[in-house]
Amino acid sequence: MSTPRSAAFLVCIVLTAGSARAGDALRGAELYRQHCSACHGAGGRPVLPTAPDFTRHDALLKPDLALLAAIRKGRGAMPAYDGVLRDRDVLDIVTHLRTLR
């Protein structure tokens, strides 16, 4: 049986869970500068010809968890960051990338 009180409780849980997972774009910008900008460019435009252009949002169409998995594993010239960056760090970087234009 659903009551207004239980519905409100569920809404609070959903909103709290979403905000708890939101990345920190400022922290992500600093981590990006330290770990990513040498190849991916300071503003998200690639330095290496095979690196994605993060100013074009089609490079970021995947969900956060898919990008997290790709960054953990590495690909091509990009090394794996599993064990180098924590998941929270990577998600902060992804949040920063989504702010680039």
PDB file of N, CA and C in Angstrom:
ATOM      1  N   MET A   1       0.846  -1.160   0.000  1.00  0.00           N
ATOM      2  CA  MET A   1       0.000   0.000   0.000  1.00  0.00           C
ATOM      3  C   MET A   1       0.901   1.235   0.000  1.00  0.00           C
ATOM      4  N   SER A   2       0.633   2.149  -0.930  1.00  0.00           N
ATOM      5  CA  SER A   2       1.434   3.355  -1.067  1.00  0.00           C
ATOM      6  C   SER A   2       0.728   4.533  -0.416  1.00  0.00           C
ATOM      7  N   THR A   3       1.443   5.230   0.401  1.00  0.00           N
ATOM      8  CA  THR A   3       0.900   6.415   1.050  1.00  0.00           C
ATOM      9  C   THR A   3       1.714   7.619   0.606  1.00  0.00           C
ATOM     10  N   PRO A   4       1.176   8.827   0.762  1.00  0.00           N
ATOM     11  CA  PRO A   4       1.967  10.015   0.406  1.00  0.00           C
ATOM     12  C   PRO A   4       3.292  10.075   1.158  1.00  0.00           C
ATOM     13  N   ARG A   5       3.294   9.607   2.382  1.00  0.00           N
ATOM     14  CA  ARG A   5       4.513   9.631   3.188  1.00  0.00           C
ATOM     15  C   ARG A   5       5.576   8.691   2.609  1.00  0.00           C
ATOM     16  N   SER A   6       5.176   7.484   2.212  1.00  0.00           N
ATOM     17  CA  SER A   6       6.147   6.547   1.641  1.00  0.00           C
ATOM     18  C   SER A   6       6.612   7.020   0.270  1.00  0.00           C
ATOM     19  N   ALA A   7       5.721   7.653  -0.495  1.00  0.00           N
ATOM     20  CA  ALA A   7       6.120   8.193  -1.796  1.00  0.00           C
ATOM     21  C   ALA A   7       7.145   9.311  -1.609  1.00  0.00           C
ATOM     22  N   ALA A   8       6.921  10.171  -0.637  1.00  0.00           N
ATOM     23  CA  ALA A   8       7.866  11.259  -0.359  1.00  0.00           C
ATOM     24  C   ALA A   8       9.218  10.696   0.082  1.00  0.00           C
ATOM     25  N   PHE A   9       9.188   9.632   0.878  1.00  0.00           N
ATOM     26  CA  PHE A   9      10.416   8.990   1.326  1.00  0.00           C
ATOM     27  C   PHE A   9      11.209   8.448   0.134  1.00  0.00           C
ATOM     28  N   LEU A  10      10.527   7.802  -0.790  1.00  0.00           N
ATOM     29  CA  LEU A  10      11.199   7.255  -1.974  1.00  0.00           C
ATOM     30  C   LEU A  10      11.797   8.369  -2.831  1.00  0.00           C
ATOM     31  N   VAL A  11      11.074   9.465  -2.969  1.00  0.00           N
ATOM     32  CA  VAL A  11      11.596  10.597  -3.740  1.00  0.00           C
ATOM     33  C   VAL A  11      12.864  11.135  -3.082  1.00  0.00           C
ATOM     34  N   CYS A  12      12.874  11.243  -1.771  1.00  0.00           N
ATOM     35  CA  CYS A  12      14.062  11.719  -1.050  1.00  0.00           C
ATOM     36  C   CYS A  12      15.247  10.784  -1.264  1.00  0.00           C
ATOM     37  N   ILE A  13      15.001   9.504  -1.244  1.00  0.00           N
ATOM     38  CA  ILE A  13      16.081   8.536  -1.456  1.00  0.00           C
ATOM     39  C   ILE A  13      16.659   8.682  -2.854  1.00  0.00           C
ATOM     40  N   VAL A  14      15.801   8.789  -3.841  1.00  0.00           N
ATOM     41  CA  VAL A  14      16.263   8.921  -5.227  1.00  0.00           C
ATOM     42  C   VAL A  14      17.057  10.212  -5.409  1.00  0.00           C
ATOM     43  N   LEU A  15      16.555  11.319  -4.884  1.00  0.00           N
ATOM     44  CA  LEU A  15      17.260  12.591  -5.025  1.00  0.00           C
ATOM     45  C   LEU A  15      18.586  12.590  -4.288  1.00  0.00           C
ATOM     46  N   THR A  16      18.624  12.012  -3.121  1.00  0.00           N
ATOM     47  CA  THR A  16      19.860  11.942  -2.349  1.00  0.00           C
ATOM     48  C   THR A  16      20.876  11.047  -3.041  1.00  0.00           C
ATOM     49  N   ALA A  17      20.431   9.922  -3.568  1.00  0.00           N
ATOM     50  CA  ALA A  17      21.356   9.008  -4.252  1.00  0.00           C
ATOM     51  C   ALA A  17      21.955   9.678  -5.469  1.00  0.00           C
ATOM     52  N   GLY A  18      21.166  10.422  -6.221  1.00  0.00           N
ATOM     53  CA  GLY A  18      21.680  11.099  -7.400  1.00  0.00           C
ATOM     54  C   GLY A  18      22.698  12.162  -7.049  1.00  0.00           C
ATOM     55  N   SER A  19      22.438  12.929  -6.014  1.00  0.00           N
ATOM     56  CA  SER A  19      23.373  13.994  -5.651  1.00  0.00           C
ATOM     57  C   SER A  19      24.647  13.437  -5.041  1.00  0.00           C
ATOM     58  N   ALA A  20      24.564  12.288  -4.394  1.00  0.00           N
ATOM     59  CA  ALA A  20      25.749  11.680  -3.804  1.00  0.00           C
ATOM     60  C   ALA A  20      26.705  11.194  -4.887  1.00  0.00           C
ATOM     61  N   ARG A  21      26.168  10.848  -6.049  1.00  0.00           N
ATOM     62  CA  ARG A  21      27.013  10.348  -7.122  1.00  0.00           C
ATOM     63  C   ARG A  21      27.471  11.449  -8.074  1.00  0.00           C
ATOM     64  N   ALA A  22      26.927  12.642  -7.948  1.00  0.00           N
ATOM     65  CA  ALA A  22      27.319  13.721  -8.846  1.00  0.00           C
ATOM     66  C   ALA A  22      28.807  13.996  -8.686  1.00  0.00           C
ATOM     67  N   GLY A  23      29.489  14.158  -9.823  1.00  0.00           N
ATOM     68  CA  GLY A  23      30.921  14.401  -9.777  1.00  0.00           C
ATOM     69  C   GLY A  23      31.246  15.840  -9.448  1.00  0.00           C
ATOM     70  N   ASP A  24      32.460  16.073  -9.026  1.00  0.00           N
ATOM     71  CA  ASP A  24      32.963  17.396  -8.694  1.00  0.00           C
ATOM     72  C   ASP A  24      33.773  17.896  -9.892  1.00  0.00           C
ATOM     73  N   ALA A  25      33.196  18.812 -10.664  1.00  0.00           N
ATOM     74  CA  ALA A  25      33.834  19.296 -11.890  1.00  0.00           C
ATOM     75  C   ALA A  25      35.135  20.044 -11.611  1.00  0.00           C
ATOM     76  N   LEU A  26      35.205  20.793 -10.509  1.00  0.00           N
ATOM     77  CA  LEU A  26      36.433  21.528 -10.192  1.00  0.00           C
ATOM     78  C   LEU A  26      37.576  20.581  -9.841  1.00  0.00           C
ATOM     79  N   ARG A  27      37.271  19.590  -9.032  1.00  0.00           N
ATOM     80  CA  ARG A  27      38.281  18.579  -8.698  1.00  0.00           C
ATOM     81  C   ARG A  27      38.663  17.795  -9.943  1.00  0.00           C
ATOM     82  N   GLY A  28      37.656  17.491 -10.772  1.00  0.00           N
ATOM     83  CA  GLY A  28      37.903  16.788 -12.024  1.00  0.00           C
ATOM     84  C   GLY A  28      38.811  17.571 -12.959  1.00  0.00           C
ATOM     85  N   ALA A  29      38.660  18.906 -12.980  1.00  0.00           N
ATOM     86  CA  ALA A  29      39.516  19.746 -13.826  1.00  0.00           C
ATOM     87  C   ALA A  29      40.975  19.645 -13.391  1.00  0.00           C
ATOM     88  N   GLU A  30      41.203  19.634 -12.093  1.00  0.00           N
ATOM     89  CA  GLU A  30      42.573  19.512 -11.584  1.00  0.00           C
ATOM     90  C   GLU A  30      43.154  18.136 -11.911  1.00  0.00           C
ATOM     91  N   LEU A  31      42.368  17.093 -11.701  1.00  0.00           N
ATOM     92  CA  LEU A  31      42.838  15.736 -12.020  1.00  0.00           C
ATOM     93  C   LEU A  31      43.086  15.582 -13.521  1.00  0.00           C
ATOM     94  N   TYR A  32      42.205  16.170 -14.334  1.00  0.00           N
ATOM     95  CA  TYR A  32      42.373  16.134 -15.792  1.00  0.00           C
ATOM     96  C   TYR A  32      43.689  16.809 -16.178  1.00  0.00           C
ATOM     97  N   ARG A  33      43.952  17.975 -15.575  1.00  0.00           N
ATOM     98  CA  ARG A  33      45.201  18.685 -15.869  1.00  0.00           C
ATOM     99  C   ARG A  33      46.409  17.817 -15.536  1.00  0.00           C
ATOM    100  N   GLN A  34      46.352  17.112 -14.406  1.00  0.00           N
ATOM    101  CA  GLN A  34      47.481  16.289 -13.960  1.00  0.00           C
ATOM    102  C   GLN A  34      47.670  15.026 -14.796  1.00  0.00           C
ATOM    103  N   HIS A  35      46.562  14.366 -15.158  1.00  0.00           N
ATOM    104  CA  HIS A  35      46.662  13.031 -15.740  1.00  0.00           C
ATOM    105  C   HIS A  35      46.302  12.930 -17.222  1.00  0.00           C
ATOM    106  N   CYS A  36      45.587  13.898 -17.775  1.00  0.00           N
ATOM    107  CA  CYS A  36      44.994  13.719 -19.101  1.00  0.00           C
ATOM    108  C   CYS A  36      45.399  14.763 -20.136  1.00  0.00           C
ATOM    109  N   SER A  37      45.667  15.985 -19.690  1.00  0.00           N
ATOM    110  CA  SER A  37      45.823  17.092 -20.630  1.00  0.00           C
ATOM    111  C   SER A  37      47.034  16.968 -21.549  1.00  0.00           C
ATOM    112  N   ALA A  38      48.054  16.242 -21.161  1.00  0.00           N
ATOM    113  CA  ALA A  38      49.235  16.098 -22.018  1.00  0.00           C
ATOM    114  C   ALA A  38      48.874  15.457 -23.357  1.00  0.00           C
ATOM    115  N   CYS A  39      47.911  14.560 -23.362  1.00  0.00           N
ATOM    116  CA  CYS A  39      47.485  13.892 -24.600  1.00  0.00           C
ATOM    117  C   CYS A  39      46.155  14.423 -25.129  1.00  0.00           C
ATOM    118  N   HIS A  40      45.261  14.748 -24.209  1.00  0.00           N
ATOM    119  CA  HIS A  40      43.914  15.155 -24.609  1.00  0.00           C
ATOM    120  C   HIS A  40      43.758  16.669 -24.715  1.00  0.00           C
ATOM    121  N   GLY A  41      44.799  17.425 -24.392  1.00  0.00           N
ATOM    122  CA  GLY A  41      44.760  18.875 -24.513  1.00  0.00           C
ATOM    123  C   GLY A  41      44.168  19.550 -23.294  1.00  0.00           C
ATOM    124  N   ALA A  42      44.646  20.745 -22.991  1.00  0.00           N
ATOM    125  CA  ALA A  42      44.204  21.466 -21.805  1.00  0.00           C
ATOM    126  C   ALA A  42      42.713  21.775 -21.844  1.00  0.00           C
ATOM    127  N   GLY A  43      42.186  22.096 -23.003  1.00  0.00           N
ATOM    128  CA  GLY A  43      40.767  22.427 -23.126  1.00  0.00           C
ATOM    129  C   GLY A  43      39.933  21.322 -23.714  1.00  0.00           C
ATOM    130  N   GLY A  44      40.494  20.123 -23.821  1.00  0.00           N
ATOM    131  CA  GLY A  44      39.753  18.990 -24.353  1.00  0.00           C
ATOM    132  C   GLY A  44      39.974  18.739 -25.834  1.00  0.00           C
ATOM    133  N   ARG A  45      40.720  19.622 -26.506  1.00  0.00           N
ATOM    134  CA  ARG A  45      41.078  19.385 -27.915  1.00  0.00           C
ATOM    135  C   ARG A  45      42.357  18.555 -27.923  1.00  0.00           C
ATOM    136  N   PRO A  46      42.340  17.433 -28.631  1.00  0.00           N
ATOM    137  CA  PRO A  46      43.444  16.475 -28.525  1.00  0.00           C
ATOM    138  C   PRO A  46      44.780  16.997 -29.036  1.00  0.00           C
ATOM    139  N   VAL A  47      45.825  16.574 -28.350  1.00  0.00           N
ATOM    140  CA  VAL A  47      47.194  16.829 -28.764  1.00  0.00           C
ATOM    141  C   VAL A  47      47.629  15.693 -29.690  1.00  0.00           C
ATOM    142  N   LEU A  48      47.271  14.481 -29.349  1.00  0.00           N
ATOM    143  CA  LEU A  48      47.585  13.310 -30.168  1.00  0.00           C
ATOM    144  C   LEU A  48      46.477  13.116 -31.203  1.00  0.00           C
ATOM    145  N   PRO A  49      46.837  12.729 -32.414  1.00  0.00           N
ATOM    146  CA  PRO A  49      45.824  12.617 -33.476  1.00  0.00           C
ATOM    147  C   PRO A  49      44.746  11.560 -33.221  1.00  0.00           C
ATOM    148  N   THR A  50      45.020  10.564 -32.435  1.00  0.00           N
ATOM    149  CA  THR A  50      44.021   9.510 -32.202  1.00  0.00           C
ATOM    150  C   THR A  50      43.170   9.733 -30.954  1.00  0.00           C
ATOM    151  N   ALA A  51      43.491  10.767 -30.186  1.00  0.00           N
ATOM    152  CA  ALA A  51      42.734  11.045 -28.960  1.00  0.00           C
ATOM    153  C   ALA A  51      41.394  11.693 -29.324  1.00  0.00           C
ATOM    154  N   PRO A  52      40.340  11.371 -28.573  1.00  0.00           N
ATOM    155  CA  PRO A  52      39.040  11.980 -28.871  1.00  0.00           C
ATOM    156  C   PRO A  52      39.029  13.475 -28.548  1.00  0.00           C
ATOM    157  N   ASP A  53      38.197  14.210 -29.281  1.00  0.00           N
ATOM    158  CA  ASP A  53      38.018  15.639 -29.058  1.00  0.00           C
ATOM    159  C   ASP A  53      36.865  15.806 -28.083  1.00  0.00           C
ATOM    160  N   PHE A  54      37.165  16.168 -26.845  1.00  0.00           N
ATOM    161  CA  PHE A  54      36.138  16.276 -25.811  1.00  0.00           C
ATOM    162  C   PHE A  54      35.301  17.549 -25.932  1.00  0.00           C
ATOM    163  N   THR A  55      35.690  18.447 -26.823  1.00  0.00           N
ATOM    164  CA  THR A  55      34.843  19.614 -27.057  1.00  0.00           C
ATOM    165  C   THR A  55      33.685  19.265 -27.980  1.00  0.00           C
ATOM    166  N   ARG A  56      33.776  18.121 -28.648  1.00  0.00           N
ATOM    167  CA  ARG A  56      32.665  17.591 -29.448  1.00  0.00           C
ATOM    168  C   ARG A  56      31.973  16.568 -28.559  1.00  0.00           C
ATOM    169  N   HIS A  57      30.769  16.831 -28.216  1.00  0.00           N
ATOM    170  CA  HIS A  57      30.105  16.014 -27.201  1.00  0.00           C
ATOM    171  C   HIS A  57      29.789  14.591 -27.644  1.00  0.00           C
ATOM    172  N   ASP A  58      29.947  14.270 -28.931  1.00  0.00           N
ATOM    173  CA  ASP A  58      29.742  12.884 -29.338  1.00  0.00           C
ATOM    174  C   ASP A  58      30.799  11.970 -28.735  1.00  0.00           C
ATOM    175  N   ALA A  59      31.927  12.535 -28.319  1.00  0.00           N
ATOM    176  CA  ALA A  59      32.962  11.734 -27.652  1.00  0.00           C
ATOM    177  C   ALA A  59      32.530  11.311 -26.250  1.00  0.00           C
ATOM    178  N   LEU A  60      31.475  11.961 -25.736  1.00  0.00           N
ATOM    179  CA  LEU A  60      31.036  11.696 -24.364  1.00  0.00           C
ATOM    180  C   LEU A  60      29.602  11.174 -24.309  1.00  0.00           C
ATOM    181  N   LEU A  61      29.131  10.558 -25.385  1.00  0.00           N
ATOM    182  CA  LEU A  61      27.748  10.081 -25.422  1.00  0.00           C
ATOM    183  C   LEU A  61      27.505   8.854 -24.546  1.00  0.00           C
ATOM    184  N   LYS A  62      28.554   8.171 -24.183  1.00  0.00           N
ATOM    185  CA  LYS A  62      28.397   6.982 -23.346  1.00  0.00           C
ATOM    186  C   LYS A  62      28.030   7.386 -21.921  1.00  0.00           C
ATOM    187  N   PRO A  63      27.350   6.500 -21.195  1.00  0.00           N
ATOM    188  CA  PRO A  63      27.051   6.777 -19.781  1.00  0.00           C
ATOM    189  C   PRO A  63      28.346   6.847 -18.954  1.00  0.00           C
ATOM    190  N   ASP A  64      28.262   7.519 -17.821  1.00  0.00           N
ATOM    191  CA  ASP A  64      29.431   7.688 -16.952  1.00  0.00           C
ATOM    192  C   ASP A  64      30.118   6.365 -16.626  1.00  0.00           C
ATOM    193  N   LEU A  65      29.335   5.336 -16.316  1.00  0.00           N
ATOM    194  CA  LEU A  65      29.949   4.058 -15.930  1.00  0.00           C
ATOM    195  C   LEU A  65      30.671   3.396 -17.094  1.00  0.00           C
ATOM    196  N   ALA A  66      30.209   3.605 -18.324  1.00  0.00           N
ATOM    197  CA  ALA A  66      30.910   3.066 -19.495  1.00  0.00           C
ATOM    198  C   ALA A  66      32.233   3.809 -19.698  1.00  0.00           C
ATOM    199  N   LEU A  67      32.216   5.127 -19.506  1.00  0.00           N
ATOM    200  CA  LEU A  67      33.460   5.897 -19.610  1.00  0.00           C
ATOM    201  C   LEU A  67      34.428   5.515 -18.497  1.00  0.00           C
ATOM    202  N   LEU A  68      33.900   5.290 -17.301  1.00  0.00           N
ATOM    203  CA  LEU A  68      34.725   4.841 -16.183  1.00  0.00           C
ATOM    204  C   LEU A  68      35.425   3.530 -16.534  1.00  0.00           C
ATOM    205  N   ALA A  69      34.687   2.590 -17.084  1.00  0.00           N
ATOM    206  CA  ALA A  69      35.267   1.294 -17.450  1.00  0.00           C
ATOM    207  C   ALA A  69      36.341   1.457 -18.522  1.00  0.00           C
ATOM    208  N   ALA A  70      36.102   2.320 -19.501  1.00  0.00           N
ATOM    209  CA  ALA A  70      37.072   2.529 -20.573  1.00  0.00           C
ATOM    210  C   ALA A  70      38.351   3.169 -20.041  1.00  0.00           C
ATOM    211  N   ILE A  71      38.221   4.107 -19.122  1.00  0.00           N
ATOM    212  CA  ILE A  71      39.397   4.771 -18.555  1.00  0.00           C
ATOM    213  C   ILE A  71      40.162   3.808 -17.655  1.00  0.00           C
ATOM    214  N   ARG A  72      39.456   2.986 -16.919  1.00  0.00           N
ATOM    215  CA  ARG A  72      40.129   1.963 -16.093  1.00  0.00           C
ATOM    216  C   ARG A  72      40.971   1.039 -16.962  1.00  0.00           C
ATOM    217  N   LYS A  73      40.378   0.601 -18.079  1.00  0.00           N
ATOM    218  CA  LYS A  73      40.999  -0.415 -18.929  1.00  0.00           C
ATOM    219  C   LYS A  73      42.056   0.154 -19.873  1.00  0.00           C
ATOM    220  N   GLY A  74      41.883   1.408 -20.310  1.00  0.00           N
ATOM    221  CA  GLY A  74      42.789   1.977 -21.300  1.00  0.00           C
ATOM    222  C   GLY A  74      42.437   1.479 -22.690  1.00  0.00           C
ATOM    223  N   ARG A  75      43.016   2.134 -23.690  1.00  0.00           N
ATOM    224  CA  ARG A  75      42.728   1.716 -25.064  1.00  0.00           C
ATOM    225  C   ARG A  75      43.736   2.382 -25.995  1.00  0.00           C
ATOM    226  N   GLY A  76      44.266   1.608 -26.916  1.00  0.00           N
ATOM    227  CA  GLY A  76      45.233   2.157 -27.858  1.00  0.00           C
ATOM    228  C   GLY A  76      46.436   2.727 -27.126  1.00  0.00           C
ATOM    229  N   ALA A  77      46.739   3.996 -27.383  1.00  0.00           N
ATOM    230  CA  ALA A  77      47.890   4.649 -26.751  1.00  0.00           C
ATOM    231  C   ALA A  77      47.609   5.057 -25.308  1.00  0.00           C
ATOM    232  N   MET A  78      46.325   5.043 -24.907  1.00  0.00           N
ATOM    233  CA  MET A  78      45.991   5.463 -23.548  1.00  0.00           C
ATOM    234  C   MET A  78      46.218   4.316 -22.566  1.00  0.00           C
ATOM    235  N   PRO A  79      47.005   4.580 -21.523  1.00  0.00           N
ATOM    236  CA  PRO A  79      47.245   3.524 -20.537  1.00  0.00           C
ATOM    237  C   PRO A  79      46.004   3.279 -19.673  1.00  0.00           C
ATOM    238  N   ALA A  80      45.981   2.145 -19.031  1.00  0.00           N
ATOM    239  CA  ALA A  80      44.915   1.830 -18.079  1.00  0.00           C
ATOM    240  C   ALA A  80      45.154   2.642 -16.808  1.00  0.00           C
ATOM    241  N   TYR A  81      44.082   3.194 -16.261  1.00  0.00           N
ATOM    242  CA  TYR A  81      44.186   3.972 -15.032  1.00  0.00           C
ATOM    243  C   TYR A  81      43.647   3.213 -13.826  1.00  0.00           C
ATOM    244  N   ASP A  82      43.326   1.945 -14.002  1.00  0.00           N
ATOM    245  CA  ASP A  82      42.897   1.116 -12.884  1.00  0.00           C
ATOM    246  C   ASP A  82      44.067   0.989 -11.918  1.00  0.00           C
ATOM    247  N   GLY A  83      43.856   1.363 -10.670  1.00  0.00           N
ATOM    248  CA  GLY A  83      44.926   1.340  -9.683  1.00  0.00           C
ATOM    249  C   GLY A  83      45.709   2.639  -9.616  1.00  0.00           C
ATOM    250  N   VAL A  84      45.540   3.518 -10.607  1.00  0.00           N
ATOM    251  CA  VAL A  84      46.205   4.820 -10.607  1.00  0.00           C
ATOM    252  C   VAL A  84      45.250   5.879 -10.071  1.00  0.00           C
ATOM    253  N   LEU A  85      44.023   5.855 -10.597  1.00  0.00           N
ATOM    254  CA  LEU A  85      42.969   6.772 -10.159  1.00  0.00           C
ATOM    255  C   LEU A  85      41.838   5.972  -9.526  1.00  0.00           C
ATOM    256  N   ARG A  86      41.271   6.503  -8.476  1.00  0.00           N
ATOM    257  CA  ARG A  86      40.102   5.864  -7.875  1.00  0.00           C
ATOM    258  C   ARG A  86      38.895   6.123  -8.765  1.00  0.00           C
ATOM    259  N   ASP A  87      37.857   5.314  -8.622  1.00  0.00           N
ATOM    260  CA  ASP A  87      36.638   5.501  -9.407  1.00  0.00           C
ATOM    261  C   ASP A  87      36.077   6.903  -9.211  1.00  0.00           C
ATOM    262  N   ARG A  88      36.097   7.394  -7.980  1.00  0.00           N
ATOM    263  CA  ARG A  88      35.592   8.744  -7.690  1.00  0.00           C
ATOM    264  C   ARG A  88      36.375   9.790  -8.477  1.00  0.00           C
ATOM    265  N   ASP A  89      37.697   9.609  -8.598  1.00  0.00           N
ATOM    266  CA  ASP A  89      38.539  10.528  -9.362  1.00  0.00           C
ATOM    267  C   ASP A  89      38.133  10.527 -10.834  1.00  0.00           C
ATOM    268  N   VAL A  90      37.959   9.344 -11.385  1.00  0.00           N
ATOM    269  CA  VAL A  90      37.582   9.221 -12.795  1.00  0.00           C
ATOM    270  C   VAL A  90      36.221   9.857 -13.043  1.00  0.00           C
ATOM    271  N   LEU A  91      35.268   9.631 -12.149  1.00  0.00           N
ATOM    272  CA  LEU A  91      33.953  10.226 -12.322  1.00  0.00           C
ATOM    273  C   LEU A  91      34.004  11.748 -12.195  1.00  0.00           C
ATOM    274  N   ASP A  92      34.892  12.262 -11.378  1.00  0.00           N
ATOM    275  CA  ASP A  92      35.081  13.711 -11.313  1.00  0.00           C
ATOM    276  C   ASP A  92      35.644  14.233 -12.636  1.00  0.00           C
ATOM    277  N   ILE A  93      36.570  13.508 -13.222  1.00  0.00           N
ATOM    278  CA  ILE A  93      37.125  13.893 -14.522  1.00  0.00           C
ATOM    279  C   ILE A  93      36.035  13.874 -15.587  1.00  0.00           C
ATOM    280  N   VAL A  94      35.219  12.834 -15.598  1.00  0.00           N
ATOM    281  CA  VAL A  94      34.122  12.739 -16.569  1.00  0.00           C
ATOM    282  C   VAL A  94      33.167  13.924 -16.402  1.00  0.00           C
ATOM    283  N   THR A  95      32.866  14.289 -15.171  1.00  0.00           N
ATOM    284  CA  THR A  95      32.005  15.447 -14.923  1.00  0.00           C
ATOM    285  C   THR A  95      32.640  16.708 -15.497  1.00  0.00           C
ATOM    286  N   HIS A  96      33.933  16.867 -15.294  1.00  0.00           N
ATOM    287  CA  HIS A  96      34.644  18.015 -15.875  1.00  0.00           C
ATOM    288  C   HIS A  96      34.552  17.990 -17.398  1.00  0.00           C
ATOM    289  N   LEU A  97      34.780  16.836 -17.996  1.00  0.00           N
ATOM    290  CA  LEU A  97      34.742  16.735 -19.464  1.00  0.00           C
ATOM    291  C   LEU A  97      33.388  17.165 -20.014  1.00  0.00           C
ATOM    292  N   ARG A  98      32.342  16.863 -19.297  1.00  0.00           N
ATOM    293  CA  ARG A  98      31.001  17.223 -19.770  1.00  0.00           C
ATOM    294  C   ARG A  98      30.748  18.734 -19.704  1.00  0.00           C
ATOM    295  N   THR A  99      31.661  19.486 -19.078  1.00  0.00           N
ATOM    296  CA  THR A  99      31.519  20.948 -19.044  1.00  0.00           C
ATOM    297  C   THR A  99      32.270  21.632 -20.176  1.00  0.00           C
ATOM    298  N   LEU A 100      33.116  20.902 -20.892  1.00  0.00           N
ATOM    299  CA  LEU A 100      33.929  21.500 -21.957  1.00  0.00           C
ATOM    300  C   LEU A 100      33.083  21.797 -23.187  1.00  0.00           C
ATOM    301  N   ARG A 101      33.459  22.837 -23.880  1.00  0.00           N
ATOM    302  CA  ARG A 101      32.769  23.188 -25.149  1.00  0.00           C
ATOM    303  C   ARG A 101      33.781  23.529 -26.188  1.00  0.00           C
TER     304      ARG A 101
END
